Amino acid sequence: MMKGHLAVARELYQAGEQTAAQPHFGHPLQEHYEPLEPAFETRGVAPFEDTLQALVDQTREGGEWGEHADAYQAALAAIDTAMQDVDGELREDVAFQGRVQLALLRQAVHEYEEAVDDGQFVNVPEYQDGRGFMLTAKAQLEQQAELFQASDEAAYEELMAAYDEAMAAWPSAEAPEAPVMSYGELSSSTFKLESLLGRY
């Protein structure tokens, strides 16, 4: 979820929406780091709060994205390092990775529900969060393609197609004039994703 926030923050920043990007750069710290900190300490994960804060501080200064690319990559690398602390057996467990996918998917759909009401956007940042979570879920799936394909290659191909179909609800980081899908339509679209992930 941290990576999802950062993904959409980068998209917004690169699109010239620097003000809209700022809350998303801060969300990994504000919404996720503190609740996870005891687990990091228990597992001996090196603290990376300062790395996340450095990205927030840098991007507040504005300027070209290239000036912040190193801080962004450092934040992603720190998150990835923390994620690698999961037991090796779980990293190679397709059922566990499927549950990670489901968690991101369900959170994205929840964010969309919060963003849309009566055919209009009532909370654009929630729409953006949902896009970030979906982009991250799909990227993780692509990175783990061999793991999922080895378990069920046909289901993997269907999963990728189903992600593309669901992503139509989030055509860009900047919200469209009106929602492309209702919450109900998105729920129907993502039901197929949930069913496919359940096969693992």
Protein backbone atom coordinates (compact mmCIF):
# COMPACT_ATOMS: atom_id res chain seq x y z
CA MET A 1 0.00 0.00 0.00
CA MET A 2 2.94 2.32 0.66
CA LYS A 3 4.13 1.67 -2.88
CA GLY A 4 0.63 2.35 -4.20
CA HIS A 5 0.54 5.79 -2.59
CA LEU A 6 3.96 6.61 -4.00
CA ALA A 7 3.06 5.37 -7.48
CA VAL A 8 0.10 7.71 -7.83
CA ALA A 9 2.01 10.56 -6.16
CA ARG A 10 4.73 10.25 -8.81
CA GLU A 11 2.13 10.16 -11.61
CA LEU A 12 0.45 13.31 -10.32
CA TYR A 13 3.76 15.12 -9.83
CA GLN A 14 4.94 14.25 -13.32
CA ALA A 15 1.60 15.45 -14.72
CA GLY A 16 2.20 18.87 -13.16
CA GLU A 17 -0.21 18.27 -10.27
CA GLN A 18 2.37 18.84 -7.56
CA THR A 19 -0.10 20.09 -4.95
CA ALA A 20 -2.36 17.07 -5.45
CA ALA A 21 0.66 14.78 -5.22
CA GLN A 22 1.82 15.98 -1.80
CA PRO A 23 -0.69 14.13 0.43
CA HIS A 24 0.07 10.87 -1.38
CA PHE A 25 3.81 11.25 -0.76
CA GLY A 26 3.00 11.59 2.93
CA HIS A 27 0.52 8.72 3.25
CA PRO A 28 3.08 5.90 3.60
CA LEU A 29 4.30 7.59 6.78
CA GLN A 30 0.98 8.90 8.05
CA GLU A 31 -1.19 5.87 7.37
CA HIS A 32 1.09 2.83 7.38
CA TYR A 33 4.52 3.26 8.94
CA GLU A 34 3.53 3.87 12.54
CA PRO A 35 1.18 0.86 12.83
CA LEU A 36 3.90 -1.35 11.31
CA GLU A 37 6.77 0.02 13.37
CA PRO A 38 6.45 -2.52 16.21
CA ALA A 39 6.59 -5.36 13.66
CA PHE A 40 9.67 -3.82 12.05
CA GLU A 41 11.38 -3.63 15.45
CA THR A 42 10.42 -7.20 16.35
CA ARG A 43 11.76 -8.52 13.05
CA GLY A 44 14.90 -6.39 13.08
CA VAL A 45 13.96 -4.45 9.95
CA ALA A 46 16.16 -1.37 9.64
CA PRO A 47 14.07 1.79 10.26
CA PHE A 48 13.30 3.70 7.10
CA GLU A 49 11.07 6.49 8.37
CA ASP A 50 13.78 9.05 7.54
CA THR A 51 13.96 7.79 3.96
CA LEU A 52 10.22 8.25 3.48
CA GLN A 53 10.34 11.67 5.16
CA ALA A 54 13.21 12.78 2.92
CA LEU A 55 11.05 12.14 -0.15
CA VAL A 56 8.18 14.15 1.36
CA ASP A 57 10.51 17.04 2.18
CA GLN A 58 12.18 17.05 -1.21
CA THR A 59 8.99 16.97 -3.26
CA ARG A 60 7.54 19.85 -1.22
CA GLU A 61 10.26 22.02 -2.72
CA GLY A 62 8.84 21.56 -6.23
CA GLY A 63 11.03 21.56 -9.30
CA GLU A 64 11.51 18.96 -12.00
CA TRP A 65 10.76 15.34 -11.19
CA GLY A 66 14.31 14.35 -12.06
CA GLU A 67 15.51 16.23 -8.98
CA HIS A 68 13.52 13.83 -6.80
CA ALA A 69 13.98 10.56 -8.69
CA ASP A 70 16.80 9.34 -6.44
CA ALA A 71 14.79 10.01 -3.26
CA TYR A 72 11.82 8.21 -4.81
CA GLN A 73 13.90 5.16 -5.72
CA ALA A 74 15.45 5.14 -2.25
CA ALA A 75 11.96 5.08 -0.69
CA LEU A 76 10.86 2.21 -2.93
CA ALA A 77 14.07 0.29 -2.18
CA ALA A 78 13.52 0.71 1.57
CA ILE A 79 9.94 -0.58 1.27
CA ASP A 80 11.11 -3.52 -0.85
CA THR A 81 13.79 -4.38 1.71
CA ALA A 82 11.20 -4.41 4.48
CA MET A 83 8.92 -6.60 2.38
CA GLN A 84 11.72 -9.10 1.88
CA ASP A 85 11.70 -9.80 5.61
CA VAL A 86 8.70 -12.07 4.99
CA ASP A 87 9.74 -15.69 5.39
CA GLY A 88 11.23 -17.10 2.20
CA GLU A 89 8.65 -19.86 2.05
CA LEU A 90 5.86 -17.27 1.98
CA ARG A 91 7.54 -15.26 -0.76
CA GLU A 92 7.37 -18.38 -2.92
CA ASP A 93 3.88 -19.38 -1.76
CA VAL A 94 1.42 -18.55 -4.54
CA ALA A 95 -1.55 -18.74 -2.16
CA PHE A 96 0.06 -16.16 0.14
CA GLN A 97 0.89 -13.88 -2.79
CA GLY A 98 -2.68 -14.28 -4.01
CA ARG A 99 -3.88 -13.03 -0.62
CA VAL A 100 -1.60 -10.01 -0.95
CA GLN A 101 -3.21 -9.33 -4.34
CA LEU A 102 -6.67 -9.64 -2.80
CA ALA A 103 -5.81 -7.23 -0.01
CA LEU A 104 -4.67 -4.57 -2.49
CA LEU A 105 -7.62 -5.20 -4.78
CA ARG A 106 -10.21 -4.94 -2.00
CA GLN A 107 -8.63 -1.77 -0.64
CA ALA A 108 -8.65 -0.21 -4.12
CA VAL A 109 -12.35 -1.01 -4.55
CA HIS A 110 -13.07 0.41 -1.09
CA GLU A 111 -11.25 3.63 -2.00
CA TYR A 112 -13.33 3.88 -5.17
CA GLU A 113 -16.51 3.42 -3.16
CA GLU A 114 -15.44 6.34 -0.95
CA ALA A 115 -14.60 8.45 -3.99
CA VAL A 116 -17.83 8.08 -5.98
CA ASP A 117 -21.40 8.91 -5.05
CA ASP A 118 -24.45 9.38 -7.23
CA GLY A 119 -22.48 9.45 -10.48
CA GLN A 120 -19.88 11.98 -9.42
CA PHE A 121 -16.60 12.23 -7.59
CA VAL A 122 -16.94 13.32 -3.99
CA ASN A 123 -13.39 12.47 -2.88
CA VAL A 124 -10.76 12.56 -5.62
CA PRO A 125 -7.78 11.62 -3.38
CA GLU A 126 -9.52 8.31 -2.59
CA TYR A 127 -9.93 7.67 -6.32
CA GLN A 128 -6.20 8.32 -6.68
CA ASP A 129 -5.34 5.97 -3.82
CA GLY A 130 -7.35 3.23 -5.50
CA ARG A 131 -5.47 3.72 -8.75
CA GLY A 132 -2.15 3.48 -6.94
CA PHE A 133 -3.15 0.24 -5.22
CA MET A 134 -4.34 -1.29 -8.50
CA LEU A 135 -1.17 -0.29 -10.35
CA THR A 136 0.93 -1.78 -7.57
CA ALA A 137 -1.07 -5.00 -7.44
CA LYS A 138 -0.72 -5.50 -11.19
CA ALA A 139 3.01 -4.67 -11.09
CA GLN A 140 3.53 -7.20 -8.29
CA LEU A 141 1.64 -9.81 -10.29
CA GLU A 142 3.81 -9.17 -13.33
CA GLN A 143 6.97 -9.45 -11.22
CA GLN A 144 5.75 -12.80 -9.90
CA ALA A 145 4.56 -14.07 -13.27
CA GLU A 146 6.61 -17.27 -13.12
CA LEU A 147 5.22 -18.16 -9.69
CA PHE A 148 1.60 -17.69 -10.75
CA GLN A 149 2.06 -19.27 -14.19
CA ALA A 150 3.67 -22.36 -12.67
CA SER A 151 0.58 -22.85 -10.54
CA ASP A 152 -2.06 -22.07 -13.18
CA GLU A 153 -0.93 -20.48 -16.44
CA ALA A 154 -4.43 -20.08 -17.87
CA ALA A 155 -5.63 -18.33 -14.72
CA TYR A 156 -2.65 -15.97 -14.86
CA GLU A 157 -3.50 -14.86 -18.40
CA GLU A 158 -7.12 -14.34 -17.37
CA LEU A 159 -5.95 -12.38 -14.33
CA MET A 160 -3.94 -9.96 -16.45
CA ALA A 161 -6.90 -9.40 -18.75
CA ALA A 162 -9.22 -8.91 -15.77
CA TYR A 163 -6.86 -6.31 -14.29
CA ASP A 164 -6.90 -4.38 -17.57
CA GLU A 165 -10.70 -4.48 -17.56
CA ALA A 166 -10.97 -3.24 -13.98
CA MET A 167 -8.34 -0.53 -14.54
CA ALA A 168 -10.75 1.16 -16.93
CA ALA A 169 -12.29 2.69 -13.79
CA TRP A 170 -9.01 4.56 -13.22
CA PRO A 171 -8.06 5.94 -16.66
CA SER A 172 -5.49 8.38 -15.23
CA ALA A 173 -4.12 9.73 -11.96
CA GLU A 174 -6.16 12.87 -12.49
CA ALA A 175 -9.82 11.99 -12.07
CA PRO A 176 -11.93 12.27 -15.25
CA GLU A 177 -14.86 14.69 -15.39
CA ALA A 178 -17.22 11.90 -14.33
CA PRO A 179 -16.64 8.35 -13.11
CA VAL A 180 -16.12 5.85 -15.92
CA MET A 181 -17.77 3.15 -13.78
CA SER A 182 -20.20 3.17 -10.91
CA TYR A 183 -19.12 1.43 -7.73
CA GLY A 184 -21.49 -1.40 -8.62
CA GLU A 185 -19.97 -1.80 -12.07
CA LEU A 186 -16.48 -1.87 -10.60
CA SER A 187 -17.55 -4.45 -8.02
CA SER A 188 -18.85 -6.66 -10.82
CA SER A 189 -15.63 -6.21 -12.77
CA THR A 190 -13.42 -7.04 -9.80
CA PHE A 191 -15.52 -10.06 -8.81
CA LYS A 192 -13.85 -11.93 -11.65
CA LEU A 193 -10.43 -10.92 -10.31
CA GLU A 194 -11.34 -12.17 -6.85
CA SER A 195 -12.60 -15.45 -8.26
CA LEU A 196 -9.40 -15.99 -10.26
CA LEU A 197 -7.19 -15.15 -7.29
CA GLY A 198 -9.23 -17.60 -5.25
CA ARG A 199 -8.05 -20.38 -7.58
CA TYR A 200 -4.57 -20.04 -6.12
